[in-house]
Protein backbone atom coordinates (compact mmCIF):
# COMPACT_ATOMS: atom_id res chain seq x y z
CA MET A 1 85.92 -21.69 95.64
CA LEU A 2 84.67 -21.70 99.23
CA ILE A 3 81.45 -20.18 98.12
CA LEU A 4 80.95 -22.89 95.57
CA VAL A 5 81.57 -25.52 98.20
CA LEU A 6 79.08 -23.90 100.57
CA VAL A 7 76.44 -23.60 97.85
CA ALA A 8 76.93 -27.22 96.81
CA GLY A 9 76.73 -28.37 100.46
CA GLY A 10 73.60 -26.36 101.05
CA ALA A 11 71.93 -27.78 97.96
CA TRP A 12 72.81 -31.29 99.09
CA LEU A 13 71.33 -30.66 102.56
CA VAL A 14 68.14 -29.20 101.07
CA GLU A 15 67.75 -32.19 98.76
CA ASN A 16 68.28 -34.64 101.61
CA TRP A 17 65.79 -32.73 103.76
CA ARG A 18 63.21 -32.94 100.99
CA GLU A 19 63.81 -36.67 100.65
CA ASP A 20 63.38 -37.07 104.40
CA ILE A 21 60.12 -35.15 104.23
CA ARG A 22 58.94 -37.32 101.32
CA ASP A 23 59.87 -40.46 103.26
CA THR A 24 58.04 -39.17 106.34
CA VAL A 25 54.92 -38.34 104.29
CA ASP A 26 55.00 -41.75 102.60
CA ALA A 27 55.32 -43.49 105.97
CA GLN A 28 52.44 -41.45 107.41
CA ARG A 29 50.29 -42.33 104.41
CA GLY A 30 51.20 -45.97 104.85
CA ILE A 31 50.22 -45.86 108.53
CA GLU A 32 46.93 -44.16 107.68
CA GLY A 33 46.26 -46.76 105.00
CA LEU A 34 46.93 -49.58 107.44
CA ARG A 35 44.66 -47.91 110.00
CA ASP A 36 41.89 -47.66 107.40
CA ASP A 37 42.36 -51.30 106.47
CA LEU A 38 42.23 -52.28 110.15
CA GLU A 39 39.04 -50.28 110.74
CA GLN A 40 37.43 -51.88 107.69
CA ALA A 41 38.46 -55.33 108.89
CA LEU A 42 37.05 -54.62 112.36
CA ALA A 43 33.81 -53.31 110.86
CA ALA A 44 33.52 -56.39 108.65
CA ARG A 45 34.15 -58.66 111.63
CA GLN A 46 31.51 -56.84 113.70
CA ALA A 47 29.03 -57.13 110.83
CA ALA A 48 29.79 -60.85 110.55
CA GLU A 49 29.28 -61.30 114.33
CA GLU A 50 25.95 -59.48 114.17
CA ALA A 51 24.89 -61.61 111.19
CA ARG A 52 25.89 -64.76 113.10
CA ARG A 53 23.92 -63.70 116.20
CA HIS A 54 20.91 -62.87 114.03
CA ALA A 55 21.14 -66.25 112.33
CA GLU A 56 21.39 -67.99 115.73
CA GLN A 57 18.34 -66.09 116.98
CA GLN A 58 16.40 -67.03 113.84
CA LEU A 59 17.46 -70.65 114.31
CA GLU A 60 16.33 -70.62 117.96
CA MET A 61 13.00 -69.10 116.94
CA LYS A 62 12.46 -71.66 114.18
CA THR A 63 13.47 -74.48 116.53
CA ALA A 64 11.03 -73.21 119.17
CA GLU A 65 8.28 -72.89 116.56
CA LEU A 66 8.96 -76.41 115.33
CA ALA A 67 8.87 -77.74 118.90
CA ALA A 68 5.59 -75.89 119.52
CA PHE A 69 4.07 -77.28 116.33
CA SER A 70 5.24 -80.77 117.23
CA GLY A 71 3.74 -80.39 120.71
CA ASP A 72 0.44 -79.18 119.24
CA ILE A 73 0.33 -82.12 116.85
CA GLU A 74 1.03 -84.58 119.67
CA ARG A 75 -1.66 -83.01 121.87
CA GLN A 76 -4.18 -83.04 119.02
CA GLU A 77 -3.39 -86.68 118.27
CA ALA A 78 -3.84 -87.54 121.96
CA GLU A 79 -7.15 -85.65 122.08
CA LEU A 80 -8.30 -87.36 118.89
CA LEU A 81 -7.40 -90.77 120.31
CA GLU A 82 -9.28 -89.96 123.51
CA LEU A 83 -12.35 -88.87 121.54
CA ARG A 84 -12.24 -92.06 119.50
CA GLU A 85 -12.03 -94.13 122.67
CA GLU A 86 -14.96 -92.19 124.16
CA LEU A 87 -17.02 -92.74 121.02
CA ALA A 88 -16.21 -96.46 121.01
CA PHE A 89 -17.15 -96.72 124.69
CA TYR A 90 -20.54 -95.04 124.25
CA ARG A 91 -21.22 -97.14 121.17
CA ARG A 92 -20.51 -100.35 123.09
CA LEU A 93 -22.57 -99.04 126.00
CA ALA A 94 -25.62 -98.34 123.84
CA GLU A 95 -25.30 -101.60 121.93
CA GLY A 96 -24.94 -103.60 125.11
CA ALA A 97 -21.71 -105.18 123.96
CA GLY A 98 -20.17 -107.51 126.51
CA GLU A 99 -21.60 -109.08 129.60
CA ASP A 100 -24.27 -107.54 131.81
CA ALA A 101 -22.08 -106.04 134.53
CA LEU A 102 -21.44 -102.87 136.47
CA GLY A 103 -18.42 -100.74 135.65
CA ILE A 104 -16.44 -97.76 136.94
CA ARG A 105 -14.57 -95.29 134.74
CA SER A 106 -13.10 -91.77 134.69
CA LEU A 107 -12.21 -91.80 138.38
CA GLN A 108 -10.75 -88.38 139.19
CA LEU A 109 -9.60 -86.47 142.24
CA GLN A 110 -9.84 -82.68 142.24
CA ARG A 111 -8.53 -80.08 144.68
CA THR A 112 -11.02 -77.62 146.12
CA GLY A 113 -8.64 -75.01 147.51
CA GLN A 114 -9.49 -76.04 151.08
CA SER A 115 -6.97 -77.94 153.12
CA GLY A 116 -7.77 -81.64 153.21
CA VAL A 117 -10.95 -81.24 151.13
CA PHE A 118 -11.24 -82.92 147.72
CA ASP A 119 -13.88 -83.69 145.12
CA VAL A 120 -14.11 -87.23 143.80
CA VAL A 121 -15.59 -87.49 140.30
CA PHE A 122 -16.46 -90.77 138.59
CA GLN A 123 -18.84 -92.56 136.25
CA LEU A 124 -20.85 -95.70 136.90
CA TYR A 125 -22.02 -97.63 133.87
CA ARG A 126 -23.84 -100.77 132.77
CA PRO A 127 -23.91 -101.78 129.08
CA GLY A 128 -27.20 -102.37 127.32
CA LEU A 129 -30.79 -101.38 127.92
CA SER A 130 -31.56 -103.84 130.70
CA ARG A 131 -34.08 -102.90 133.35
CA SER A 132 -32.98 -100.19 135.72
CA VAL A 133 -31.49 -101.01 139.10
CA ASP A 134 -30.66 -99.12 142.28
CA LEU A 135 -26.95 -98.77 143.05
CA ARG A 136 -25.06 -98.08 146.23
CA TRP A 137 -21.52 -96.76 146.14
CA ALA A 138 -18.88 -96.11 148.80
CA LEU A 139 -15.44 -94.53 149.06
CA GLU A 140 -12.40 -95.48 151.11
CA VAL A 141 -9.08 -93.71 151.53
CA GLU A 142 -5.95 -95.54 152.61
CA GLY A 143 -3.12 -93.69 154.29
CA TYR A 144 -1.25 -92.88 157.46
CA ALA A 145 -2.68 -91.05 160.43
CA THR A 146 -0.50 -88.54 162.25
CA GLY A 147 2.25 -90.30 164.18
CA GLU A 148 1.20 -93.76 162.96
CA GLU A 149 3.38 -96.13 160.94
CA ALA A 150 0.66 -98.65 160.16
CA LEU A 151 -1.58 -98.16 157.14
CA SER A 152 -5.15 -97.31 158.05
CA THR A 153 -8.38 -96.95 156.05
CA LEU A 154 -10.95 -94.18 156.28
CA ASP A 155 -14.42 -95.44 155.35
CA THR A 156 -17.22 -93.39 153.83
CA ASP A 157 -18.51 -92.12 157.16
CA ALA A 158 -15.03 -91.04 158.30
CA LEU A 159 -14.64 -89.01 155.08
CA GLY A 160 -17.59 -86.77 155.97
CA LEU A 161 -19.58 -87.55 152.83
CA GLU A 162 -22.85 -85.65 152.66
CA ASN A 163 -23.92 -87.04 149.26
CA ASP A 164 -26.70 -89.55 148.87
CA ARG A 165 -24.85 -92.75 148.04
CA LEU A 166 -27.91 -94.46 146.58
CA VAL A 167 -28.40 -94.11 142.82
CA GLU A 168 -32.02 -94.95 142.04
CA GLY A 169 -33.24 -96.11 138.65
CA PHE A 170 -29.74 -96.57 137.31
CA ARG A 171 -29.39 -97.44 133.63
CA LEU A 172 -26.49 -97.15 131.15
CA LEU A 173 -24.42 -94.33 132.68
CA ARG A 174 -24.43 -91.94 135.62
CA ASN A 175 -21.96 -89.18 136.49
CA GLN A 176 -21.24 -88.76 140.19
CA ARG A 177 -19.42 -86.16 142.28
CA ALA A 178 -18.69 -86.41 146.00
CA ARG A 179 -16.78 -84.13 148.37
CA ILE A 180 -14.58 -85.73 151.02
CA GLN A 181 -12.60 -84.27 153.90
CA LEU A 182 -9.49 -85.90 155.36
CA PRO A 183 -8.59 -85.62 159.04
CA GLU A 184 -5.87 -83.09 159.80
CA GLY A 185 -2.41 -84.55 159.28
CA PHE A 186 -3.65 -87.64 157.45
CA GLU A 187 -1.37 -88.69 154.57
CA PRO A 188 -3.41 -90.46 151.85
CA VAL A 189 -1.84 -93.03 149.53
CA GLY A 190 -4.81 -94.59 147.75
CA LEU A 191 -8.49 -94.22 146.94
CA THR A 192 -11.00 -97.07 146.52
CA LEU A 193 -14.46 -96.78 144.96
CA ARG A 194 -16.99 -99.60 145.37
CA ALA A 195 -20.42 -100.00 143.78
CA SER A 196 -23.07 -102.70 144.01
CA ALA A 197 -26.67 -103.24 142.99
CA ALA A 198 -29.12 -102.79 145.84
CA ASN A 199 -31.92 -104.83 144.27
CA ASP A 200 -30.24 -107.24 141.85
CA GLU A 201 -28.16 -110.09 143.25
CA ASP A 202 -27.13 -111.23 139.78
CA LEU A 203 -25.01 -108.10 139.23
CA GLU A 204 -21.57 -108.56 140.71
CA PRO A 205 -20.21 -105.70 142.86
CA VAL A 206 -17.40 -103.69 141.27
CA SER A 207 -14.47 -101.76 142.78
CA GLU A 208 -11.53 -99.71 141.60
CA TRP A 209 -8.37 -98.64 143.45
CA ALA A 210 -6.16 -95.75 142.34
CA ASP A 211 -2.95 -94.20 143.60
CA TRP A 212 -3.72 -90.88 145.31
CA ASP A 213 -0.82 -88.86 143.89
CA ARG A 214 -1.39 -90.12 140.35
CA LEU A 215 -5.04 -89.13 140.56
CA LEU A 216 -4.03 -85.60 141.52
CA GLU A 217 -1.36 -85.40 138.81
CA SER A 218 -3.82 -86.48 136.12
CA THR A 219 -6.09 -83.50 136.83
CA GLN A 220 -3.37 -80.80 136.92
């Protein structure tokens, strides 16, 4: 009888041990399955993040390209408008449209790389094919001398101009370039160009004033 009890107890323990092993194996498989699912989810999330970053980069590139194209179109339209205005000006100039008068255009100020030294570039014009005249032109620079609060004016001689300021036989259009030098420490604020006929009293003198800083900005 005792033997039967021992055998039955042993069989029960073995069966319970097997069930525990099966439970442990099932739990381990469940953990491994969850770990696989987690790794797959993390991989999918990483792939989605990479796809999002790639899409953002593509969007930035397309946006930059669109901005560049828009800028090119605007620049081309501005250049086209400028060319049309130039063509219209030369057409009026050749046809003699408007009154017989002197004019100044395309006044520019260019840096030379030397301190206080600048090139002044401009055009003098007179519409039509009237007889030629001799022109005289002059430059003035307004500004502040070192330590001075009052506005002062540098005339042509004070600017160290070496150019011949007499334009002989002027007709229609003439391009001019002059180099000026400012005194050390002088702070310029404006530039004035004047032109007048030397041998024709009927032609009114002409002048043009321009802000110094704006002239420099327009040539950068």
